[in-house]
Protein backbone atom coordinates (compact mmCIF):
# COMPACT_ATOMS: atom_id res chain seq x y z
CA MET A 1 -5.46 48.06 -89.79
CA ASP A 2 -9.08 48.28 -90.97
CA GLY A 3 -11.44 45.73 -89.45
CA PHE A 4 -15.16 45.12 -89.32
CA ARG A 5 -17.80 42.67 -88.11
CA VAL A 6 -19.22 40.23 -90.64
CA ALA A 7 -22.75 40.95 -89.39
CA ASP A 8 -22.30 44.68 -90.00
CA ALA A 9 -20.94 44.08 -93.50
CA VAL A 10 -23.85 41.81 -94.42
CA ALA A 11 -26.32 44.37 -93.05
CA VAL A 12 -25.03 47.05 -95.44
CA GLY A 13 -25.08 44.72 -98.44
CA MET A 14 -21.54 43.35 -98.78
CA PRO A 15 -21.70 40.13 -100.84
CA ARG A 16 -21.03 37.05 -98.72
CA ARG A 17 -18.57 35.72 -101.29
CA ARG A 18 -16.41 38.79 -100.63
CA LEU A 19 -16.31 37.87 -96.93
CA TYR A 20 -15.06 34.36 -97.64
CA ASP A 21 -12.93 34.69 -100.78
CA GLY A 22 -9.57 34.64 -98.97
CA ARG A 23 -8.56 38.26 -99.51
CA LEU A 24 -9.63 39.19 -96.00
CA HIS A 25 -8.02 37.89 -92.83
CA ARG A 26 -10.13 36.22 -90.11
CA PRO A 27 -8.44 36.90 -86.76
CA PHE A 28 -11.59 36.11 -84.74
CA HIS A 29 -14.94 34.51 -85.43
CA GLY A 30 -17.22 37.03 -87.11
CA VAL A 31 -14.42 39.55 -87.71
CA ARG A 32 -12.56 40.47 -90.89
CA THR A 33 -9.45 42.63 -91.35
CA ASP A 34 -7.59 43.79 -94.45
CA HIS A 35 -4.34 42.16 -93.25
CA ARG A 36 -3.02 39.91 -90.53
CA PRO A 37 -2.55 41.90 -87.28
CA ALA A 38 1.06 43.09 -87.27
CA ASP A 39 1.43 43.43 -83.49
CA HIS A 40 -0.46 42.89 -80.27
CA LEU A 41 -2.16 46.28 -80.45
CA GLU A 42 -3.70 45.41 -83.82
CA LEU A 43 -4.70 42.00 -82.48
CA CYS A 44 -6.44 43.70 -79.54
CA ARG A 45 -8.24 46.07 -81.90
CA ALA A 46 -9.51 43.12 -83.92
CA ALA A 47 -10.54 41.25 -80.75
CA ALA A 48 -12.56 44.25 -79.58
CA LEU A 49 -14.86 43.77 -82.58
CA ALA A 50 -15.71 40.25 -81.37
CA LEU A 51 -16.04 41.10 -77.68
CA PRO A 52 -18.84 42.77 -75.71
CA PRO A 53 -18.45 46.57 -75.35
CA SER A 54 -17.98 46.13 -71.60
CA ALA A 55 -14.78 44.09 -72.02
CA VAL A 56 -11.55 45.78 -70.91
CA ILE A 57 -8.07 44.79 -72.15
CA SER A 58 -6.28 43.35 -69.12
CA HIS A 59 -3.37 41.37 -67.70
CA ARG A 60 -0.49 40.65 -70.11
CA SER A 61 -2.24 42.17 -73.12
CA ALA A 62 -2.69 45.44 -71.25
CA ALA A 63 0.93 45.24 -70.11
CA MET A 64 2.03 45.03 -73.75
CA LEU A 65 -0.08 48.04 -74.72
CA HIS A 66 1.40 50.06 -71.83
CA GLY A 67 4.94 49.12 -72.92
CA MET A 68 5.75 47.23 -69.74
CA PRO A 69 8.93 45.10 -69.85
CA LEU A 70 7.32 41.66 -69.65
CA PRO A 71 9.71 38.72 -69.46
CA ARG A 72 9.82 37.03 -72.86
CA HIS A 73 8.25 33.82 -71.55
CA SER A 74 5.20 35.81 -70.43
CA GLU A 75 4.47 37.75 -73.61
CA PRO A 76 0.84 37.05 -74.58
CA VAL A 77 -0.32 35.15 -77.64
CA ALA A 78 -4.05 35.34 -76.99
CA VAL A 79 -5.74 38.63 -76.08
CA GLU A 80 -6.54 38.88 -72.35
CA VAL A 81 -9.71 40.74 -71.45
CA CYS A 82 -11.79 41.28 -68.35
CA VAL A 83 -15.36 42.17 -67.43
CA PHE A 84 -16.78 43.28 -64.11
CA GLU A 85 -19.12 41.14 -62.03
CA PRO A 86 -21.91 40.12 -62.41
CA GLU A 87 -21.23 39.75 -66.14
CA HIS A 88 -20.03 36.38 -67.37
CA ARG A 89 -16.43 36.19 -68.53
CA PRO A 90 -16.11 36.49 -72.32
CA ARG A 91 -15.64 33.26 -74.25
CA VAL A 92 -14.24 34.15 -77.65
CA GLU A 93 -11.75 31.84 -79.34
CA GLY A 94 -8.33 33.49 -79.38
CA THR A 95 -8.95 35.40 -76.16
CA VAL A 96 -8.58 34.65 -72.45
CA GLY A 97 -11.48 35.96 -70.41
CA HIS A 98 -11.38 37.13 -66.79
CA ARG A 99 -13.98 38.49 -64.39
CA VAL A 100 -13.37 40.76 -61.40
CA ALA A 101 -15.37 42.55 -58.75
CA VAL A 102 -15.62 46.32 -58.98
CA ASN A 103 -13.25 47.88 -56.43
CA GLY A 104 -12.32 51.28 -57.81
CA GLN A 105 -10.18 50.13 -60.73
CA ARG A 106 -9.05 52.80 -63.17
CA VAL A 107 -9.58 52.29 -66.91
CA VAL A 108 -7.87 54.34 -69.64
CA ARG A 109 -8.08 54.48 -73.43
CA ILE A 110 -5.27 53.43 -75.78
CA ASP A 111 -5.88 53.81 -79.51
CA GLY A 112 -9.62 53.74 -78.87
CA LEU A 113 -9.49 50.62 -76.69
CA HIS A 114 -10.57 50.40 -73.06
CA VAL A 115 -7.51 49.22 -71.12
CA PHE A 116 -6.89 48.85 -67.41
CA ALA A 117 -4.57 51.56 -66.05
CA PRO A 118 -0.93 50.59 -65.43
CA GLU A 119 -1.25 50.19 -61.65
CA GLU A 120 -4.24 47.86 -62.08
CA VAL A 121 -2.35 45.80 -64.66
CA TRP A 122 0.66 45.45 -62.36
CA VAL A 123 -1.60 43.96 -59.69
CA GLN A 124 -3.16 41.61 -62.26
CA LEU A 125 0.31 40.41 -63.28
CA GLY A 126 0.81 39.19 -59.72
CA GLU A 127 -1.30 36.18 -60.70
CA ALA A 128 1.34 34.92 -63.14
CA LEU A 129 4.74 36.54 -62.51
CA ALA A 130 7.40 35.94 -59.88
CA ALA A 131 8.19 38.67 -57.36
CA ASP A 132 11.46 39.70 -59.02
CA GLU A 133 9.72 40.06 -62.40
CA LEU A 134 7.11 42.26 -60.74
CA VAL A 135 9.87 44.42 -59.25
CA VAL A 136 11.38 45.00 -62.70
CA ILE A 137 8.01 46.14 -64.04
CA GLY A 138 7.31 48.19 -60.92
CA ASP A 139 10.65 49.99 -61.31
CA TYR A 140 9.66 50.88 -64.87
CA LEU A 141 6.20 52.09 -63.89
CA ILE A 142 7.34 54.57 -61.24
CA THR A 143 10.41 55.68 -63.25
CA GLY A 144 9.61 55.65 -66.97
CA SER A 145 12.17 57.79 -68.77
CA GLU A 146 12.02 60.69 -66.28
CA PRO A 147 15.68 60.55 -65.14
CA TYR A 148 16.71 60.91 -68.79
CA ASP A 149 14.20 63.33 -70.31
CA GLY A 150 12.01 64.60 -67.47
CA ALA A 151 8.80 62.97 -68.75
CA PRO A 152 6.41 61.98 -65.93
CA PRO A 153 6.47 58.24 -65.17
CA PRO A 154 3.41 56.10 -65.98
CA VAL A 155 2.25 55.91 -62.34
CA THR A 156 3.13 57.16 -58.89
CA ARG A 157 4.24 54.98 -56.03
CA ALA A 158 1.04 55.94 -54.21
CA GLN A 159 -1.06 54.62 -57.09
CA LEU A 160 0.77 51.28 -56.98
CA ASP A 161 0.34 51.01 -53.22
CA ASP A 162 -3.36 51.84 -53.50
CA ALA A 163 -3.88 49.16 -56.16
CA VAL A 164 -2.16 46.56 -53.96
CA ALA A 165 -4.30 47.55 -50.97
CA ARG A 166 -7.50 47.25 -53.01
CA HIS A 167 -6.39 43.85 -54.32
CA GLY A 168 -6.32 42.51 -50.78
CA SER A 169 -5.68 38.79 -50.38
CA ARG A 170 -6.80 37.76 -53.85
CA ARG A 171 -4.72 35.54 -56.10
CA GLY A 172 -1.19 36.91 -56.55
CA ALA A 173 -1.22 38.83 -53.27
CA ARG A 174 1.88 37.08 -51.90
CA ALA A 175 4.02 37.93 -54.93
CA LEU A 176 2.81 41.53 -54.78
CA ARG A 177 3.66 41.80 -51.07
CA LEU A 178 7.18 40.47 -51.74
CA ALA A 179 7.74 42.75 -54.73
CA SER A 180 6.28 46.03 -53.52
CA PRO A 181 8.93 46.96 -50.89
CA ARG A 182 11.75 46.27 -53.37
CA ILE A 183 10.54 48.60 -56.11
CA ARG A 184 12.77 51.64 -56.56
CA TYR A 185 12.72 54.76 -58.67
CA GLY A 186 15.60 55.12 -61.10
CA PRO A 187 16.42 52.22 -63.45
CA LEU A 188 16.19 53.07 -67.14
CA SER A 189 16.17 49.48 -68.39
CA PRO A 190 14.95 46.08 -67.19
CA GLN A 191 18.52 44.80 -67.01
CA GLU A 192 19.52 47.63 -64.69
CA SER A 193 16.67 46.58 -62.39
CA ARG A 194 17.72 42.92 -62.54
CA LEU A 195 21.33 43.84 -61.85
CA ARG A 196 20.33 45.94 -58.86
CA LEU A 197 18.29 43.06 -57.44
CA ALA A 198 21.17 40.63 -58.00
CA LEU A 199 23.57 42.87 -56.08
CA GLU A 200 21.15 43.22 -53.18
CA ASP A 201 20.42 39.47 -53.18
CA ALA A 202 24.18 38.86 -52.96
CA GLY A 203 24.22 40.80 -49.69
CA LEU A 204 25.73 43.99 -51.11
CA PRO A 205 24.47 47.43 -50.09
CA ALA A 206 21.73 48.94 -52.22
CA PRO A 207 23.39 51.09 -54.90
CA GLU A 208 22.37 54.61 -55.84
CA LEU A 209 20.53 54.64 -59.18
CA ASN A 210 21.26 57.06 -62.01
CA TYR A 211 23.69 58.92 -59.80
CA ARG A 212 24.79 62.23 -61.29
CA VAL A 213 28.45 63.26 -61.07
CA THR A 214 29.24 66.92 -61.64
CA GLY A 215 32.47 68.45 -62.90
CA ASP A 216 34.38 71.43 -61.58
CA ASP A 217 32.05 73.73 -63.52
CA GLY A 218 29.00 72.35 -61.68
CA ARG A 219 27.58 70.68 -64.79
CA VAL A 220 26.61 67.00 -64.84
CA GLY A 221 29.39 65.09 -66.58
CA ALA A 222 28.04 61.57 -66.13
CA MET A 223 24.93 59.78 -64.92
CA ILE A 224 25.98 56.40 -63.49
CA ASP A 225 23.54 53.49 -63.80
CA LEU A 226 24.35 52.05 -60.36
CA ALA A 227 26.77 53.75 -58.00
CA TYR A 228 28.36 53.52 -54.57
CA PRO A 229 29.41 57.17 -54.15
CA THR A 230 30.99 56.67 -50.73
CA PHE A 231 33.37 54.11 -52.24
CA GLY A 232 33.72 55.72 -55.67
CA VAL A 233 32.49 52.58 -57.45
CA ALA A 234 30.43 52.98 -60.63
CA ILE A 235 28.58 50.19 -62.45
CA GLU A 236 27.53 50.78 -66.03
CA TYR A 237 25.25 48.34 -67.87
CA LEU A 238 26.07 48.33 -71.58
CA GLY A 239 23.10 47.15 -73.64
CA ASP A 240 23.37 46.19 -77.29
CA HIS A 241 22.69 49.78 -78.39
CA HIS A 242 26.05 50.78 -76.92
CA ARG A 243 27.79 48.67 -79.59
CA LEU A 244 25.79 49.83 -82.61
CA THR A 245 28.06 52.71 -83.60
CA ALA A 246 31.64 53.74 -83.07
CA ALA A 247 30.36 57.03 -81.65
CA ALA A 248 28.34 55.27 -78.93
CA TYR A 249 31.28 53.07 -78.04
CA ARG A 250 33.62 56.05 -77.90
CA LYS A 251 31.15 57.93 -75.70
CA ASP A 252 31.23 55.06 -73.18
CA ILE A 253 35.03 55.09 -73.12
CA THR A 254 35.16 58.88 -72.75
CA ARG A 255 32.69 58.78 -69.85
CA ARG A 256 34.74 56.07 -68.15
CA GLU A 257 37.95 58.08 -68.53
CA TRP A 258 36.18 61.18 -67.17
CA LEU A 259 35.02 59.24 -64.09
CA VAL A 260 38.41 57.59 -63.51
CA GLN A 261 40.06 61.01 -63.56
CA ARG A 262 37.77 61.94 -60.68
CA GLY A 263 38.66 58.90 -58.59
CA TRP A 264 35.93 56.48 -59.63
CA SER A 265 36.41 52.77 -60.29
CA VAL A 266 34.16 51.82 -63.24
CA ILE A 267 32.76 48.33 -63.79
CA PHE A 268 31.21 47.65 -67.18
CA VAL A 269 28.52 44.94 -67.37
CA THR A 270 27.15 43.34 -70.55
CA ALA A 271 24.48 40.75 -71.33
CA ALA A 272 27.24 38.12 -71.53
CA ASP A 273 28.19 38.60 -67.87
CA SER A 274 26.67 36.49 -65.12
CA PHE A 275 25.27 38.58 -62.30
CA THR A 276 26.99 36.26 -59.82
CA ASP A 277 30.34 37.22 -61.31
CA VAL A 278 29.37 40.89 -61.40
CA ALA A 279 28.48 40.76 -57.70
CA ARG A 280 31.91 39.26 -57.00
CA ARG A 281 33.61 42.05 -58.97
CA VAL A 282 31.59 44.73 -57.20
CA ARG A 283 32.33 43.22 -53.78
CA ALA A 284 36.06 43.21 -54.58
CA ALA A 285 35.92 46.85 -55.74
CA LEU A 286 34.10 47.91 -52.57
CA ARG A 287 36.64 46.12 -50.38
CA LEU A 288 39.52 47.72 -52.24
CA ALA A 289 37.92 51.15 -51.93
CA SER A 290 37.19 50.70 -48.22
CA GLY A 291 40.86 49.90 -47.66
CA ARG A 292 41.80 53.23 -49.19
CA THR A 293 39.38 55.27 -47.07
């Protein structure tokens, strides 16, 4: 998306009628773009043209740019930005301005934009999100896709802990204190995190996450989403992508058969299942397994 400031265009001689003839989009006062912003990144890029250079993309907008799994009800409409004291918070229509004291926050660049680093954003989200929603995002931040492809996660646990410590008792501190101890490395999707929390909240033991089962040849034959190895109980969350092709569906069945042959009891979970019912099924499977051991 190409965008520019009206003042800059006038300064280089662009006719004013071109700026107001309807062929250009006006996402913010004094800003023109060649098309309506297609996503939140493009909206942030347009907003940056209307904001002071010191403004940093923050809160939910920064979470979107970092790919954090925000709950749908919290996805931003306006662009959230922040400046450091003693500057005054930005007041640009279509944005939400914040102001914070300098306390060692880390800022990174995304597509040319200044954006708070993931650990800083997680702390900022404590102002608006519930503790369990913060856990889901925290799981993602310290895990990323590493269990699957080996890529380093967005942040380390130490970075998260440091950000919480620097935040102190400011707004959102209680939610952060509740969430922080429950964050775990391992889940590869938000629903896996939510399922894990539901099992623990139901009084069940904490499951192993992305537990690898090896075959007789020593090679990994399956990576179980949530597992109770002592009891041989495997829980697999099947997202919509598992139903897209016959090959994906068959792969799930083959993996289940492979695990069953090695003494595992496999519980499949889908978006249609209530976590309360899943917890009941898991509890029953654990009781059955404990009776066999």
